[in-house]
Amino acid sequence: MFKKFFFLSLLSLLVFSACLHQPVDETPTDDADETASDNAADTDTDDGDDDDDDATNNDDDKPTGNTDSTSDDTVANDTPSDNTASDDTAPAVKEIAISGNEFSFSPSSIDIAPGEKVKITFRNDGNFPHNIAIKELGIASPVIGGGETATLEFTASDAGTLTMYCSVASHEEAGMVGTVTIQ
């Protein structure tokens, strides 16, 4: 009987000490951070001179005013105007889907007009990491893994032929190359 009581007491002590130990470590850390933040906030508020209060008030007023004005103007004007403007005055964006694998692009050549805005959506159908880059423009999408997509946007310049390629080491040399014809 004494052995059972001793064992249960020891087990209870271990369980309680383990339970008590974790909250004690977490609680002071959270409370200390919150207390430090609260004290810093109180100190800033209590110690702030009129100059600090003005700066704080101006900072609070400015972002709210700027955000509201910008948001209202932007939201109100962007949504209808952008749709209307993009349909009527702004050139449309030519969207092109290109997939890549070990070691080719499909399609391997694309045709665009001078001055045309282009958005290439590159999908990596391979197992190795790949990207798409245009050598003459000095632009490249991020390198992505298999099954991922990335976009590359640019405005076509003067007529000519550009080289698109995968800039991952030795992939261009392995044949992961294509052409962009601007005409």
N, C-alpha and C. Protein backbone atom coordinates (compact mmCIF):
# COMPACT_ATOMS: atom_id res chain seq x y z
N MET A 1 0.82 -1.18 0.00
CA MET A 1 0.00 0.00 0.00
C MET A 1 0.86 1.25 0.00
N PHE A 2 1.91 1.22 0.82
CA PHE A 2 2.80 2.36 0.91
C PHE A 2 3.49 2.61 -0.43
N LYS A 3 3.85 1.53 -1.14
CA LYS A 3 4.51 1.66 -2.44
C LYS A 3 3.59 2.34 -3.45
N LYS A 4 2.31 1.95 -3.46
CA LYS A 4 1.36 2.56 -4.38
C LYS A 4 1.19 4.04 -4.07
N PHE A 5 1.04 4.37 -2.81
CA PHE A 5 0.88 5.76 -2.40
C PHE A 5 2.11 6.58 -2.78
N PHE A 6 3.28 6.03 -2.52
CA PHE A 6 4.52 6.72 -2.85
C PHE A 6 4.64 6.93 -4.36
N PHE A 7 4.33 5.90 -5.13
CA PHE A 7 4.41 5.99 -6.59
C PHE A 7 3.42 7.02 -7.13
N LEU A 8 2.18 7.00 -6.66
CA LEU A 8 1.17 7.97 -7.10
C LEU A 8 1.55 9.39 -6.70
N SER A 9 2.10 9.54 -5.51
CA SER A 9 2.54 10.86 -5.06
C SER A 9 3.67 11.38 -5.95
N LEU A 10 4.61 10.53 -6.25
CA LEU A 10 5.73 10.92 -7.09
C LEU A 10 5.25 11.25 -8.51
N LEU A 11 4.36 10.44 -9.04
CA LEU A 11 3.80 10.68 -10.37
C LEU A 11 3.03 12.00 -10.40
N SER A 12 2.22 12.25 -9.39
CA SER A 12 1.46 13.50 -9.30
C SER A 12 2.39 14.70 -9.24
N LEU A 13 3.42 14.57 -8.45
CA LEU A 13 4.39 15.65 -8.32
C LEU A 13 5.05 15.96 -9.66
N LEU A 14 5.42 14.92 -10.39
CA LEU A 14 6.04 15.12 -11.70
C LEU A 14 5.07 15.77 -12.69
N VAL A 15 3.84 15.30 -12.70
CA VAL A 15 2.84 15.86 -13.62
C VAL A 15 2.58 17.32 -13.29
N PHE A 16 2.36 17.61 -12.03
CA PHE A 16 2.08 19.00 -11.63
C PHE A 16 3.28 19.90 -11.88
N SER A 17 4.46 19.40 -11.59
CA SER A 17 5.64 20.25 -11.81
C SER A 17 5.85 20.50 -13.29
N ALA A 18 5.57 19.51 -14.12
CA ALA A 18 5.69 19.71 -15.57
C ALA A 18 4.65 20.70 -16.07
N CYS A 19 3.44 20.60 -15.57
CA CYS A 19 2.37 21.51 -15.98
C CYS A 19 2.63 22.93 -15.49
N LEU A 20 3.10 23.04 -14.29
CA LEU A 20 3.35 24.36 -13.73
C LEU A 20 4.55 25.03 -14.39
N HIS A 21 5.49 24.27 -14.82
CA HIS A 21 6.72 24.84 -15.38
C HIS A 21 6.44 25.54 -16.71
N GLN A 22 5.66 24.97 -17.61
CA GLN A 22 5.42 25.56 -18.92
C GLN A 22 4.69 26.89 -18.85
N PRO A 23 3.58 27.01 -18.17
CA PRO A 23 2.92 28.31 -18.13
C PRO A 23 3.75 29.39 -17.45
N VAL A 24 4.55 29.00 -16.47
CA VAL A 24 5.38 29.99 -15.79
C VAL A 24 6.36 30.59 -16.79
N ASP A 25 6.97 29.76 -17.66
CA ASP A 25 7.92 30.27 -18.64
C ASP A 25 7.22 31.13 -19.68
N GLU A 26 6.06 30.71 -20.16
CA GLU A 26 5.36 31.44 -21.21
C GLU A 26 4.72 32.72 -20.68
N THR A 27 4.10 32.66 -19.52
CA THR A 27 3.39 33.81 -18.99
C THR A 27 4.30 34.99 -18.71
N PRO A 28 5.43 34.83 -18.01
CA PRO A 28 6.27 36.00 -17.77
C PRO A 28 6.81 36.61 -19.06
N THR A 29 7.13 35.78 -20.04
CA THR A 29 7.64 36.31 -21.30
C THR A 29 6.59 37.17 -21.96
N ASP A 30 5.36 36.67 -22.06
CA ASP A 30 4.29 37.44 -22.67
C ASP A 30 3.97 38.67 -21.85
N ASP A 31 3.85 38.49 -20.52
CA ASP A 31 3.54 39.62 -19.66
C ASP A 31 4.65 40.64 -19.68
N ALA A 32 5.89 40.18 -19.68
CA ALA A 32 7.01 41.11 -19.69
C ALA A 32 7.00 41.92 -20.98
N ASP A 33 6.74 41.26 -22.11
CA ASP A 33 6.69 41.98 -23.38
C ASP A 33 5.53 42.97 -23.38
N GLU A 34 4.36 42.51 -22.92
CA GLU A 34 3.21 43.39 -22.89
C GLU A 34 3.43 44.53 -21.91
N THR A 35 4.01 44.22 -20.75
CA THR A 35 4.27 45.25 -19.76
C THR A 35 5.26 46.26 -20.31
N ALA A 36 6.30 45.78 -20.98
CA ALA A 36 7.28 46.69 -21.56
C ALA A 36 6.62 47.55 -22.63
N SER A 37 5.76 46.94 -23.44
CA SER A 37 5.06 47.70 -24.47
C SER A 37 4.13 48.71 -23.84
N ASP A 38 3.40 48.29 -22.80
CA ASP A 38 2.49 49.20 -22.12
C ASP A 38 3.25 50.34 -21.47
N ASN A 39 4.37 50.01 -20.81
CA ASN A 39 5.17 51.05 -20.18
C ASN A 39 5.74 52.01 -21.21
N ALA A 40 6.19 51.47 -22.34
CA ALA A 40 6.72 52.33 -23.38
C ALA A 40 5.63 53.23 -23.93
N ALA A 41 4.44 52.68 -24.11
CA ALA A 41 3.33 53.48 -24.60
C ALA A 41 2.96 54.54 -23.58
N ASP A 42 2.92 54.14 -22.28
CA ASP A 42 2.60 55.10 -21.24
C ASP A 42 3.68 56.16 -21.15
N THR A 43 4.92 55.76 -21.26
CA THR A 43 6.03 56.70 -21.18
C THR A 43 5.96 57.68 -22.34
N ASP A 44 5.70 57.18 -23.54
CA ASP A 44 5.60 58.07 -24.68
C ASP A 44 4.45 59.04 -24.52
N THR A 45 3.33 58.56 -24.02
CA THR A 45 2.17 59.42 -23.86
C THR A 45 2.39 60.41 -22.73
N ASP A 46 2.93 59.94 -21.59
CA ASP A 46 3.11 60.82 -20.44
C ASP A 46 4.26 61.79 -20.65
N ASP A 47 5.37 61.35 -21.24
CA ASP A 47 6.54 62.18 -21.39
C ASP A 47 6.47 63.06 -22.63
N GLY A 48 5.53 62.82 -23.52
CA GLY A 48 5.47 63.57 -24.77
C GLY A 48 5.20 65.03 -24.54
N ASP A 49 6.01 65.89 -25.14
CA ASP A 49 5.77 67.32 -25.09
C ASP A 49 4.70 67.66 -26.10
N ASP A 50 4.40 68.95 -26.19
CA ASP A 50 3.42 69.39 -27.16
C ASP A 50 3.90 69.08 -28.57
N ASP A 51 5.23 69.17 -28.78
CA ASP A 51 5.79 68.86 -30.09
C ASP A 51 5.55 67.41 -30.45
N ASP A 52 5.77 66.51 -29.47
CA ASP A 52 5.55 65.09 -29.72
C ASP A 52 4.08 64.83 -29.98
N ASP A 53 3.20 65.48 -29.21
CA ASP A 53 1.78 65.28 -29.41
C ASP A 53 1.35 65.78 -30.78
N ASP A 54 1.89 66.92 -31.19
CA ASP A 54 1.55 67.44 -32.50
C ASP A 54 2.02 66.49 -33.59
N ALA A 55 3.25 65.98 -33.41
CA ALA A 55 3.77 65.06 -34.41
C ALA A 55 2.92 63.80 -34.46
N THR A 56 2.54 63.31 -33.29
CA THR A 56 1.71 62.12 -33.25
C THR A 56 0.36 62.40 -33.88
N ASN A 57 -0.24 63.52 -33.52
CA ASN A 57 -1.54 63.85 -34.08
C ASN A 57 -1.43 64.08 -35.58
N ASN A 58 -0.39 64.75 -36.01
CA ASN A 58 -0.22 64.97 -37.44
C ASN A 58 -0.01 63.67 -38.17
N ASP A 59 0.79 62.77 -37.57
CA ASP A 59 1.00 61.48 -38.21
C ASP A 59 -0.30 60.70 -38.30
N ASP A 60 -1.09 60.75 -37.21
CA ASP A 60 -2.35 60.04 -37.24
C ASP A 60 -3.30 60.67 -38.25
N ASP A 61 -3.32 61.99 -38.30
CA ASP A 61 -4.23 62.67 -39.21
C ASP A 61 -3.79 62.49 -40.65
N LYS A 62 -2.51 62.60 -40.91
CA LYS A 62 -2.04 62.54 -42.29
C LYS A 62 -2.32 61.20 -42.94
N PRO A 63 -1.93 60.07 -42.32
CA PRO A 63 -2.22 58.81 -43.00
C PRO A 63 -3.71 58.59 -43.19
N THR A 64 -4.50 58.98 -42.19
CA THR A 64 -5.93 58.79 -42.33
C THR A 64 -6.45 59.64 -43.47
N GLY A 65 -6.03 60.91 -43.49
CA GLY A 65 -6.48 61.80 -44.55
C GLY A 65 -5.97 61.34 -45.90
N ASN A 66 -4.68 61.03 -45.97
CA ASN A 66 -4.11 60.60 -47.23
C ASN A 66 -4.69 59.27 -47.67
N THR A 67 -4.85 58.37 -46.72
CA THR A 67 -5.40 57.07 -47.06
C THR A 67 -6.84 57.21 -47.53
N ASP A 68 -7.61 58.01 -46.79
CA ASP A 68 -9.00 58.18 -47.18
C ASP A 68 -9.10 58.85 -48.54
N SER A 69 -8.35 59.93 -48.72
CA SER A 69 -8.41 60.64 -49.99
C SER A 69 -7.93 59.76 -51.12
N THR A 70 -6.79 59.14 -50.90
CA THR A 70 -6.23 58.29 -51.94
C THR A 70 -7.14 57.11 -52.20
N SER A 71 -7.62 56.50 -51.12
CA SER A 71 -8.47 55.33 -51.29
C SER A 71 -9.75 55.71 -52.00
N ASP A 72 -10.37 56.80 -51.54
CA ASP A 72 -11.63 57.19 -52.17
C ASP A 72 -11.41 57.54 -53.63
N ASP A 73 -10.38 58.37 -53.89
CA ASP A 73 -10.12 58.75 -55.26
C ASP A 73 -9.72 57.55 -56.09
N THR A 74 -8.83 56.73 -55.52
CA THR A 74 -8.33 55.60 -56.27
C THR A 74 -9.43 54.58 -56.52
N VAL A 75 -10.15 54.23 -55.47
CA VAL A 75 -11.20 53.23 -55.63
C VAL A 75 -12.30 53.76 -56.53
N ALA A 76 -12.72 54.98 -56.27
CA ALA A 76 -13.81 55.54 -57.05
C ALA A 76 -13.40 55.71 -58.50
N ASN A 77 -12.18 56.19 -58.72
CA ASN A 77 -11.76 56.47 -60.08
C ASN A 77 -11.15 55.27 -60.77
N ASP A 78 -10.41 54.43 -60.03
CA ASP A 78 -9.72 53.33 -60.67
C ASP A 78 -10.68 52.28 -61.22
N THR A 79 -11.65 51.92 -60.43
CA THR A 79 -12.50 50.82 -60.87
C THR A 79 -13.24 51.15 -62.16
N PRO A 80 -14.04 52.21 -62.21
CA PRO A 80 -14.72 52.49 -63.46
C PRO A 80 -13.77 53.01 -64.53
N SER A 81 -12.85 53.91 -64.16
CA SER A 81 -12.00 54.53 -65.15
C SER A 81 -11.05 53.52 -65.77
N ASP A 82 -10.46 52.66 -64.93
CA ASP A 82 -9.52 51.71 -65.47
C ASP A 82 -10.20 50.77 -66.46
N ASN A 83 -11.39 50.31 -66.10
CA ASN A 83 -12.09 49.42 -67.02
C ASN A 83 -12.41 50.15 -68.31
N THR A 84 -12.89 51.37 -68.19
CA THR A 84 -13.24 52.15 -69.36
C THR A 84 -11.99 52.54 -70.13
N ALA A 85 -10.97 53.03 -69.39
CA ALA A 85 -9.75 53.48 -70.03
C ALA A 85 -9.03 52.33 -70.71
N SER A 86 -8.98 51.18 -70.06
CA SER A 86 -8.27 50.06 -70.67
C SER A 86 -8.99 49.57 -71.92
N ASP A 87 -10.31 49.69 -71.94
CA ASP A 87 -11.05 49.27 -73.12
C ASP A 87 -10.91 50.28 -74.25
N ASP A 88 -10.89 51.59 -73.90
CA ASP A 88 -10.92 52.62 -74.93
C ASP A 88 -9.55 53.16 -75.30
N THR A 89 -8.76 53.58 -74.31
CA THR A 89 -7.54 54.31 -74.62
C THR A 89 -6.26 53.54 -74.37
N ALA A 90 -6.19 52.77 -73.31
CA ALA A 90 -4.95 52.06 -72.98
C ALA A 90 -4.82 50.82 -73.85
N PRO A 91 -3.60 50.54 -74.30
CA PRO A 91 -3.44 49.33 -75.09
C PRO A 91 -3.69 48.09 -74.24
N ALA A 92 -4.30 47.11 -74.84
CA ALA A 92 -4.60 45.87 -74.12
C ALA A 92 -3.30 45.11 -73.85
N VAL A 93 -3.31 44.36 -72.78
CA VAL A 93 -2.16 43.53 -72.45
C VAL A 93 -2.32 42.20 -73.15
N LYS A 94 -1.31 41.82 -73.90
CA LYS A 94 -1.34 40.52 -74.57
C LYS A 94 -0.83 39.49 -73.59
N GLU A 95 -1.69 38.55 -73.23
CA GLU A 95 -1.32 37.51 -72.28
C GLU A 95 -0.92 36.25 -73.04
N ILE A 96 0.26 35.76 -72.69
CA ILE A 96 0.81 34.59 -73.36
C ILE A 96 1.16 33.54 -72.31
N ALA A 97 0.71 32.32 -72.52
CA ALA A 97 1.03 31.22 -71.61
C ALA A 97 2.15 30.39 -72.23
N ILE A 98 3.21 30.20 -71.47
CA ILE A 98 4.34 29.38 -71.92
C ILE A 98 4.63 28.36 -70.83
N SER A 99 4.83 27.12 -71.24
CA SER A 99 5.22 26.10 -70.27
C SER A 99 6.65 25.66 -70.58
N GLY A 100 7.30 25.18 -69.55
CA GLY A 100 8.67 24.73 -69.72
C GLY A 100 8.89 23.44 -68.96
N ASN A 101 9.81 22.63 -69.50
CA ASN A 101 10.19 21.39 -68.82
C ASN A 101 11.67 21.14 -69.11
N GLU A 102 12.14 19.94 -68.93
CA GLU A 102 13.54 19.63 -69.17
C GLU A 102 13.74 19.40 -70.66
N PHE A 103 14.25 20.15 -71.41
CA PHE A 103 14.82 21.48 -71.43
C PHE A 103 14.28 22.20 -72.64
N SER A 104 13.00 22.58 -72.59
CA SER A 104 12.39 23.27 -73.72
C SER A 104 11.23 24.14 -73.25
N PHE A 105 10.83 25.06 -74.13
CA PHE A 105 9.65 25.89 -73.91
C PHE A 105 8.58 25.46 -74.89
N SER A 106 7.32 25.64 -74.50
CA SER A 106 6.21 25.39 -75.41
C SER A 106 5.19 26.50 -75.24
N PRO A 107 4.95 27.30 -76.23
CA PRO A 107 5.60 27.35 -77.53
C PRO A 107 7.02 27.90 -77.39
N SER A 108 7.86 27.55 -78.36
CA SER A 108 9.25 28.00 -78.30
C SER A 108 9.47 29.33 -78.99
N SER A 109 8.44 29.84 -79.66
CA SER A 109 8.54 31.17 -80.26
C SER A 109 7.20 31.88 -80.15
N ILE A 110 7.27 33.19 -79.93
CA ILE A 110 6.06 34.00 -79.83
C ILE A 110 6.24 35.25 -80.68
N ASP A 111 5.14 35.77 -81.19
CA ASP A 111 5.15 36.98 -82.01
C ASP A 111 4.35 38.06 -81.31
N ILE A 112 4.92 39.26 -81.25
CA ILE A 112 4.23 40.40 -80.66
C ILE A 112 4.49 41.64 -81.51
N ALA A 113 3.68 42.66 -81.30
CA ALA A 113 3.80 43.90 -82.07
C ALA A 113 4.63 44.92 -81.29
N PRO A 114 5.32 45.82 -81.99
CA PRO A 114 6.08 46.87 -81.30
C PRO A 114 5.15 47.72 -80.43
N GLY A 115 5.59 48.05 -79.23
CA GLY A 115 4.81 48.87 -78.31
C GLY A 115 3.74 48.09 -77.56
N GLU A 116 3.58 46.83 -77.84
CA GLU A 116 2.54 46.01 -77.19
C GLU A 116 2.96 45.64 -75.78
N LYS A 117 2.01 45.75 -74.85
CA LYS A 117 2.26 45.31 -73.48
C LYS A 117 2.04 43.81 -73.44
N VAL A 118 2.99 43.10 -72.82
CA VAL A 118 2.96 41.64 -72.82
C VAL A 118 3.06 41.13 -71.39
N LYS A 119 2.25 40.13 -71.09
CA LYS A 119 2.33 39.43 -69.80
C LYS A 119 2.49 37.95 -70.11
N ILE A 120 3.67 37.42 -69.82
CA ILE A 120 3.93 35.99 -70.02
C ILE A 120 3.70 35.28 -68.70
N THR A 121 2.84 34.28 -68.73
CA THR A 121 2.65 33.42 -67.57
C THR A 121 3.40 32.13 -67.85
N PHE A 122 4.46 31.92 -67.09
CA PHE A 122 5.32 30.75 -67.29
C PHE A 122 4.98 29.68 -66.27
N ARG A 123 4.68 28.48 -66.77
CA ARG A 123 4.37 27.34 -65.90
C ARG A 123 5.47 26.30 -66.04
N ASN A 124 6.04 25.90 -64.93
CA ASN A 124 7.10 24.89 -64.93
C ASN A 124 6.46 23.51 -64.85
N ASP A 125 6.45 22.81 -65.98
CA ASP A 125 5.91 21.46 -66.03
C ASP A 125 6.98 20.41 -65.77
N GLY A 126 8.19 20.84 -65.52
CA GLY A 126 9.30 19.92 -65.30
C GLY A 126 9.51 19.59 -63.84
N ASN A 127 10.56 18.84 -63.59
CA ASN A 127 10.93 18.47 -62.23
C ASN A 127 12.02 19.37 -61.67
N PHE A 128 12.84 19.92 -62.55
CA PHE A 128 13.92 20.82 -62.14
C PHE A 128 13.40 22.24 -62.00
N PRO A 129 14.09 23.07 -61.24
CA PRO A 129 13.72 24.49 -61.19
C PRO A 129 14.02 25.16 -62.54
N HIS A 130 13.13 26.05 -62.95
CA HIS A 130 13.29 26.77 -64.22
C HIS A 130 12.78 28.20 -64.05
N ASN A 131 13.10 29.03 -65.03
CA ASN A 131 12.51 30.36 -65.15
C ASN A 131 12.48 30.73 -66.62
N ILE A 132 12.00 31.93 -66.90
CA ILE A 132 12.02 32.43 -68.27
C ILE A 132 12.63 33.82 -68.21
N ALA A 133 13.57 34.07 -69.12
CA ALA A 133 14.27 35.35 -69.16
C ALA A 133 14.35 35.81 -70.61
N ILE A 134 14.46 37.12 -70.78
CA ILE A 134 14.66 37.67 -72.12
C ILE A 134 15.98 38.42 -72.09
N LYS A 135 16.93 37.85 -72.80
CA LYS A 135 18.32 38.30 -72.73
C LYS A 135 18.47 39.78 -73.07
N GLU A 136 17.94 40.21 -74.20
CA GLU A 136 18.15 41.58 -74.68
C GLU A 136 17.48 42.63 -73.80
N LEU A 137 16.43 42.26 -73.09
CA LEU A 137 15.74 43.21 -72.20
C LEU A 137 16.30 43.16 -70.78
N GLY A 138 17.09 42.14 -70.49
CA GLY A 138 17.68 42.01 -69.16
C GLY A 138 16.65 41.74 -68.08
N ILE A 139 15.59 41.03 -68.43
CA ILE A 139 14.54 40.72 -67.45
C ILE A 139 14.40 39.21 -67.30
N ALA A 140 13.93 38.79 -66.13
CA ALA A 140 13.75 37.36 -65.87
C ALA A 140 12.68 37.17 -64.80
N SER A 141 11.95 36.09 -64.92
CA SER A 141 11.00 35.72 -63.87
C SER A 141 11.80 35.08 -62.74
N PRO A 142 11.18 34.93 -61.58
CA PRO A 142 11.86 34.18 -60.52
C PRO A 142 12.00 32.72 -60.92
N VAL A 143 12.99 32.07 -60.37
CA VAL A 143 13.17 30.63 -60.59
C VAL A 143 12.11 29.91 -59.76
N ILE A 144 11.39 28.99 -60.40
CA ILE A 144 10.28 28.29 -59.73
C ILE A 144 10.45 26.79 -59.84
N GLY A 145 9.83 26.07 -58.93
CA GLY A 145 9.87 24.62 -58.93
C GLY A 145 8.79 24.03 -59.82
N GLY A 146 8.83 22.73 -59.98
CA GLY A 146 7.84 22.04 -60.79
C GLY A 146 6.42 22.27 -60.30
N GLY A 147 5.51 22.53 -61.23
CA GLY A 147 4.11 22.76 -60.90
C GLY A 147 3.79 24.19 -60.51
N GLU A 148 4.79 25.05 -60.43
CA GLU A 148 4.56 26.45 -60.05
C GLU A 148 4.49 27.34 -61.29
N THR A 149 3.96 28.55 -61.10
CA THR A 149 3.89 29.52 -62.18
C THR A 149 4.52 30.84 -61.75
N ALA A 150 4.98 31.59 -62.73
CA ALA A 150 5.54 32.92 -62.50
C ALA A 150 5.17 33.79 -63.69
N THR A 151 5.17 35.09 -63.50
CA THR A 151 4.83 35.99 -64.60
C THR A 151 6.00 36.90 -64.92
N LEU A 152 6.02 37.34 -66.15
CA LEU A 152 7.03 38.26 -66.66
C LEU A 152 6.28 39.28 -67.51
N GLU A 153 6.39 40.56 -67.16
CA GLU A 153 5.67 41.60 -67.89
C GLU A 153 6.66 42.59 -68.48
N PHE A 154 6.38 43.04 -69.70
CA PHE A 154 7.21 44.04 -70.36
C PHE A 154 6.44 44.66 -71.50
N THR A 155 6.98 45.74 -72.03
CA THR A 155 6.42 46.37 -73.21
C THR A 155 7.41 46.15 -74.34
N ALA A 156 6.91 45.63 -75.45
CA ALA A 156 7.77 45.32 -76.59
C ALA A 156 8.37 46.61 -77.13
N SER A 157 9.63 46.54 -77.50
CA SER A 157 10.31 47.72 -78.04
C SER A 157 10.24 47.69 -79.56
N ASP A 158 11.29 48.14 -80.20
CA ASP A 158 11.34 48.16 -81.66
C ASP A 158 11.34 46.76 -82.24
N ALA A 159 11.03 46.68 -83.53
CA ALA A 159 11.00 45.39 -84.21
C ALA A 159 12.35 44.69 -84.10
N GLY A 160 12.28 43.39 -84.01
CA GLY A 160 13.50 42.60 -83.92
C GLY A 160 13.22 41.24 -83.32
N THR A 161 14.26 40.46 -83.14
CA THR A 161 14.14 39.12 -82.56
C THR A 161 14.91 39.09 -81.25
N LEU A 162 14.23 38.65 -80.21
CA LEU A 162 14.82 38.56 -78.87
C LEU A 162 14.96 37.09 -78.49
N THR A 163 15.87 36.82 -77.59
CA THR A 163 16.10 35.45 -77.13
C THR A 163 15.47 35.26 -75.76
N MET A 164 14.55 34.29 -75.65
CA MET A 164 14.05 33.90 -74.33
C MET A 164 14.74 32.60 -73.97
N TYR A 165 15.06 32.47 -72.68
CA TYR A 165 15.83 31.31 -72.26
C TYR A 165 15.62 31.08 -70.77
N CYS A 166 16.04 29.91 -70.29
CA CYS A 166 16.04 29.61 -68.86
C CYS A 166 17.42 29.97 -68.34
N SER A 167 17.46 30.86 -67.34
CA SER A 167 18.76 31.34 -66.84
C SER A 167 19.35 30.46 -65.74
N VAL A 168 18.70 29.35 -65.42
CA VAL A 168 19.28 28.42 -64.45
C VAL A 168 20.53 27.81 -65.09
N ALA A 169 21.56 27.62 -64.31
CA ALA A 169 22.86 27.17 -64.81
C ALA A 169 22.75 26.02 -65.79
N SER A 170 23.32 26.19 -66.95
CA SER A 170 23.45 25.22 -68.05
C SER A 170 22.14 24.84 -68.74
N HIS A 171 21.00 25.41 -68.35
CA HIS A 171 19.74 25.07 -69.01
C HIS A 171 19.68 25.68 -70.41
N GLU A 172 20.20 26.89 -70.57
CA GLU A 172 20.24 27.50 -71.91
C GLU A 172 21.10 26.64 -72.83
N GLU A 173 22.25 26.23 -72.35
CA GLU A 173 23.15 25.40 -73.14
C GLU A 173 22.52 24.04 -73.46
N ALA A 174 21.62 23.57 -72.60
CA ALA A 174 20.96 22.28 -72.82
C ALA A 174 19.80 22.40 -73.81
N GLY A 175 19.52 23.63 -74.27
CA GLY A 175 18.49 23.80 -75.30
C GLY A 175 17.22 24.48 -74.85
N MET A 176 17.19 24.98 -73.63
CA MET A 176 15.98 25.65 -73.14
C MET A 176 16.02 27.11 -73.61
N VAL A 177 15.74 27.28 -74.91
CA VAL A 177 15.84 28.56 -75.59
C VAL A 177 14.65 28.71 -76.52
N GLY A 178 14.22 29.95 -76.72
CA GLY A 178 13.15 30.25 -77.66
C GLY A 178 13.34 31.66 -78.20
N THR A 179 12.39 32.10 -79.02
CA THR A 179 12.50 33.44 -79.62
C THR A 179 11.24 34.25 -79.40
N VAL A 180 11.44 35.55 -79.26
CA VAL A 180 10.35 36.51 -79.20
C VAL A 180 10.54 37.40 -80.42
N THR A 181 9.61 37.35 -81.35
CA THR A 181 9.71 38.15 -82.56
C THR A 181 8.79 39.35 -82.43
N ILE A 182 9.38 40.54 -82.54
CA ILE A 182 8.60 41.78 -82.48
C ILE A 182 8.49 42.29 -83.91
N GLN A 183 7.26 42.30 -84.45
CA GLN A 183 7.04 42.76 -85.83
C GLN A 183 5.68 43.38 -86.01
